[in-house]
N, C-alpha and C. Protein backbone atom coordinates (compact mmCIF):
# COMPACT_ATOMS: atom_id res chain seq x y z
N UNK A 1 18.92 -15.20 -102.65
CA UNK A 1 19.99 -14.79 -101.78
C UNK A 1 21.23 -14.49 -102.63
N UNK A 2 21.92 -13.44 -102.27
CA UNK A 2 23.09 -13.04 -103.04
C UNK A 2 24.24 -14.01 -102.83
N UNK A 3 25.02 -14.17 -103.86
CA UNK A 3 26.14 -15.10 -103.77
C UNK A 3 27.33 -14.44 -103.09
N UNK A 4 28.33 -15.25 -102.77
CA UNK A 4 29.53 -14.72 -102.14
C UNK A 4 30.26 -13.77 -103.07
N UNK A 5 30.19 -14.06 -104.38
CA UNK A 5 30.86 -13.20 -105.34
C UNK A 5 30.29 -11.80 -105.32
N UNK A 6 28.98 -11.68 -105.23
CA UNK A 6 28.38 -10.35 -105.21
C UNK A 6 28.74 -9.61 -103.92
N UNK A 7 28.85 -10.33 -102.80
CA UNK A 7 29.26 -9.68 -101.55
C UNK A 7 30.70 -9.18 -101.67
N UNK A 8 31.56 -9.98 -102.29
CA UNK A 8 32.94 -9.56 -102.48
C UNK A 8 33.03 -8.38 -103.45
N UNK A 9 32.20 -8.38 -104.46
CA UNK A 9 32.18 -7.28 -105.42
C UNK A 9 31.73 -5.99 -104.76
N UNK A 10 30.71 -6.06 -103.94
CA UNK A 10 30.23 -4.87 -103.23
C UNK A 10 31.28 -4.38 -102.25
N UNK A 11 31.91 -5.29 -101.52
CA UNK A 11 32.95 -4.90 -100.56
C UNK A 11 34.14 -4.28 -101.28
N UNK A 12 34.55 -4.86 -102.39
CA UNK A 12 35.65 -4.29 -103.16
C UNK A 12 35.32 -2.92 -103.70
N UNK A 13 34.10 -2.73 -104.14
CA UNK A 13 33.68 -1.42 -104.64
C UNK A 13 33.71 -0.39 -103.52
N UNK A 14 33.25 -0.76 -102.35
CA UNK A 14 33.27 0.17 -101.22
C UNK A 14 34.70 0.55 -100.84
N UNK A 15 35.61 -0.40 -100.91
CA UNK A 15 37.01 -0.11 -100.58
C UNK A 15 37.61 0.82 -101.62
N UNK A 16 37.32 0.61 -102.89
CA UNK A 16 37.84 1.48 -103.95
C UNK A 16 37.26 2.89 -103.81
N UNK A 17 35.97 2.99 -103.55
CA UNK A 17 35.34 4.30 -103.36
C UNK A 17 35.97 5.02 -102.17
N UNK A 18 36.26 4.30 -101.11
CA UNK A 18 36.90 4.90 -99.94
C UNK A 18 38.30 5.40 -100.28
N UNK A 19 39.05 4.61 -101.02
CA UNK A 19 40.40 5.01 -101.38
C UNK A 19 40.39 6.25 -102.28
N UNK A 20 39.49 6.29 -103.23
CA UNK A 20 39.39 7.45 -104.13
C UNK A 20 38.96 8.68 -103.36
N UNK A 21 37.99 8.54 -102.48
CA UNK A 21 37.55 9.70 -101.71
C UNK A 21 38.62 10.15 -100.73
N UNK A 22 39.45 9.23 -100.25
CA UNK A 22 40.55 9.62 -99.37
C UNK A 22 41.56 10.48 -100.10
N UNK A 23 41.77 10.21 -101.37
CA UNK A 23 42.68 11.03 -102.17
C UNK A 23 42.03 12.38 -102.49
N UNK A 24 40.76 12.36 -102.83
CA UNK A 24 40.06 13.58 -103.23
C UNK A 24 39.70 14.49 -102.06
N UNK A 25 39.75 13.99 -100.85
CA UNK A 25 39.34 14.80 -99.71
C UNK A 25 40.27 15.99 -99.51
N UNK A 26 41.47 15.94 -100.05
CA UNK A 26 42.41 17.04 -99.92
C UNK A 26 42.08 18.20 -100.84
N UNK A 27 41.36 17.94 -101.92
CA UNK A 27 41.01 18.99 -102.87
C UNK A 27 39.82 19.79 -102.35
N UNK A 28 39.84 21.10 -102.59
CA UNK A 28 38.71 21.91 -102.12
C UNK A 28 37.46 21.70 -102.98
N UNK A 29 36.32 21.88 -102.37
CA UNK A 29 35.02 21.86 -103.05
C UNK A 29 34.70 20.51 -103.70
N UNK A 30 35.05 19.45 -103.06
CA UNK A 30 34.65 18.13 -103.56
C UNK A 30 33.71 17.49 -102.55
N UNK A 31 32.84 16.62 -103.01
CA UNK A 31 31.94 15.93 -102.06
C UNK A 31 32.61 14.75 -101.36
N UNK A 32 33.93 14.69 -101.44
CA UNK A 32 34.65 13.54 -100.88
C UNK A 32 34.50 13.44 -99.37
N UNK A 33 34.34 14.56 -98.70
CA UNK A 33 34.18 14.52 -97.24
C UNK A 33 32.87 13.82 -96.89
N UNK A 34 31.82 14.14 -97.62
CA UNK A 34 30.53 13.49 -97.37
C UNK A 34 30.61 12.00 -97.69
N UNK A 35 31.28 11.67 -98.79
CA UNK A 35 31.44 10.26 -99.16
C UNK A 35 32.23 9.52 -98.09
N UNK A 36 33.28 10.16 -97.58
CA UNK A 36 34.09 9.54 -96.53
C UNK A 36 33.25 9.28 -95.28
N UNK A 37 32.43 10.23 -94.90
CA UNK A 37 31.58 10.04 -93.73
C UNK A 37 30.54 8.95 -93.97
N UNK A 38 30.02 8.86 -95.19
CA UNK A 38 29.08 7.79 -95.52
C UNK A 38 29.76 6.42 -95.47
N UNK A 39 31.04 6.38 -95.82
CA UNK A 39 31.76 5.11 -95.77
C UNK A 39 31.95 4.64 -94.33
N UNK A 40 31.99 5.58 -93.37
CA UNK A 40 32.00 5.18 -91.96
C UNK A 40 30.71 4.45 -91.61
N UNK A 41 29.60 4.94 -92.12
CA UNK A 41 28.31 4.29 -91.88
C UNK A 41 28.30 2.90 -92.53
N UNK A 42 28.84 2.81 -93.74
CA UNK A 42 28.91 1.51 -94.42
C UNK A 42 29.78 0.54 -93.61
N UNK A 43 30.88 1.05 -93.06
CA UNK A 43 31.75 0.20 -92.23
C UNK A 43 31.00 -0.31 -91.00
N UNK A 44 30.19 0.54 -90.41
CA UNK A 44 29.40 0.09 -89.26
C UNK A 44 28.39 -0.97 -89.67
N UNK A 45 27.83 -0.84 -90.86
CA UNK A 45 26.91 -1.86 -91.35
C UNK A 45 27.63 -3.19 -91.57
N UNK A 46 28.87 -3.12 -92.04
CA UNK A 46 29.65 -4.36 -92.21
C UNK A 46 29.97 -4.99 -90.86
N UNK A 47 30.14 -4.17 -89.82
CA UNK A 47 30.36 -4.72 -88.49
C UNK A 47 29.11 -5.45 -88.02
N UNK A 48 27.95 -4.86 -88.28
CA UNK A 48 26.69 -5.50 -87.90
C UNK A 48 26.53 -6.83 -88.64
N UNK A 49 26.97 -6.87 -89.91
CA UNK A 49 26.87 -8.10 -90.70
C UNK A 49 28.00 -9.08 -90.38
N UNK A 50 28.87 -8.71 -89.44
CA UNK A 50 29.99 -9.53 -88.97
C UNK A 50 31.00 -9.83 -90.07
N UNK A 51 31.23 -8.86 -90.93
CA UNK A 51 32.29 -8.95 -91.94
C UNK A 51 33.39 -7.98 -91.50
N UNK A 52 34.18 -8.44 -90.54
CA UNK A 52 35.10 -7.57 -89.84
C UNK A 52 36.28 -7.13 -90.69
N UNK A 53 36.75 -7.96 -91.61
CA UNK A 53 37.89 -7.57 -92.44
C UNK A 53 37.56 -6.36 -93.29
N UNK A 54 36.42 -6.38 -93.94
CA UNK A 54 36.01 -5.26 -94.78
C UNK A 54 35.80 -4.02 -93.92
N UNK A 55 35.19 -4.19 -92.77
CA UNK A 55 34.94 -3.06 -91.88
C UNK A 55 36.24 -2.42 -91.41
N UNK A 56 37.22 -3.23 -91.06
CA UNK A 56 38.50 -2.69 -90.61
C UNK A 56 39.20 -1.94 -91.72
N UNK A 57 39.17 -2.47 -92.93
CA UNK A 57 39.80 -1.79 -94.06
C UNK A 57 39.12 -0.45 -94.33
N UNK A 58 37.78 -0.45 -94.33
CA UNK A 58 37.05 0.79 -94.56
C UNK A 58 37.32 1.81 -93.46
N UNK A 59 37.32 1.37 -92.22
CA UNK A 59 37.58 2.29 -91.12
C UNK A 59 39.00 2.85 -91.18
N UNK A 60 39.96 2.03 -91.54
CA UNK A 60 41.34 2.49 -91.64
C UNK A 60 41.50 3.53 -92.75
N UNK A 61 41.00 3.23 -93.93
CA UNK A 61 41.13 4.16 -95.06
C UNK A 61 40.44 5.49 -94.74
N UNK A 62 39.23 5.42 -94.21
CA UNK A 62 38.48 6.65 -93.96
C UNK A 62 39.02 7.42 -92.77
N UNK A 63 39.57 6.74 -91.79
CA UNK A 63 40.20 7.45 -90.67
C UNK A 63 41.42 8.21 -91.14
N UNK A 64 42.21 7.59 -92.00
CA UNK A 64 43.37 8.29 -92.55
C UNK A 64 42.95 9.48 -93.39
N UNK A 65 41.85 9.35 -94.13
CA UNK A 65 41.36 10.46 -94.94
C UNK A 65 40.92 11.63 -94.07
N UNK A 66 40.21 11.35 -93.01
CA UNK A 66 39.75 12.42 -92.11
C UNK A 66 40.93 13.05 -91.38
N UNK A 67 41.89 12.23 -90.94
CA UNK A 67 43.08 12.79 -90.30
C UNK A 67 43.88 13.65 -91.27
N UNK A 68 43.97 13.22 -92.51
CA UNK A 68 44.65 14.03 -93.52
C UNK A 68 43.95 15.34 -93.77
N UNK A 69 42.64 15.34 -93.70
CA UNK A 69 41.87 16.57 -93.88
C UNK A 69 42.07 17.51 -92.70
N UNK A 70 42.11 16.96 -91.51
CA UNK A 70 42.26 17.80 -90.31
C UNK A 70 43.65 18.41 -90.25
N UNK A 71 44.67 17.63 -90.55
CA UNK A 71 46.05 18.10 -90.38
C UNK A 71 46.67 18.65 -91.65
N UNK A 72 45.89 18.84 -92.70
CA UNK A 72 46.44 19.38 -93.95
C UNK A 72 46.46 20.90 -93.91
């Protein structure tokens, strides 16, 4: 069974990937939009695992990225 440290490491990595893709989503021809949409799926998986803090952070970052893409 994975330790708490590995769960925190995975969650932190997902948050960093979301933040980077949120910045890159404004640039043309980047796969950041696909990564952002995949992070929504990851956030839903965290909701299923009942890790609500990580899920809320991921949903917030990715929602802002998509809104920035729509209104840019």
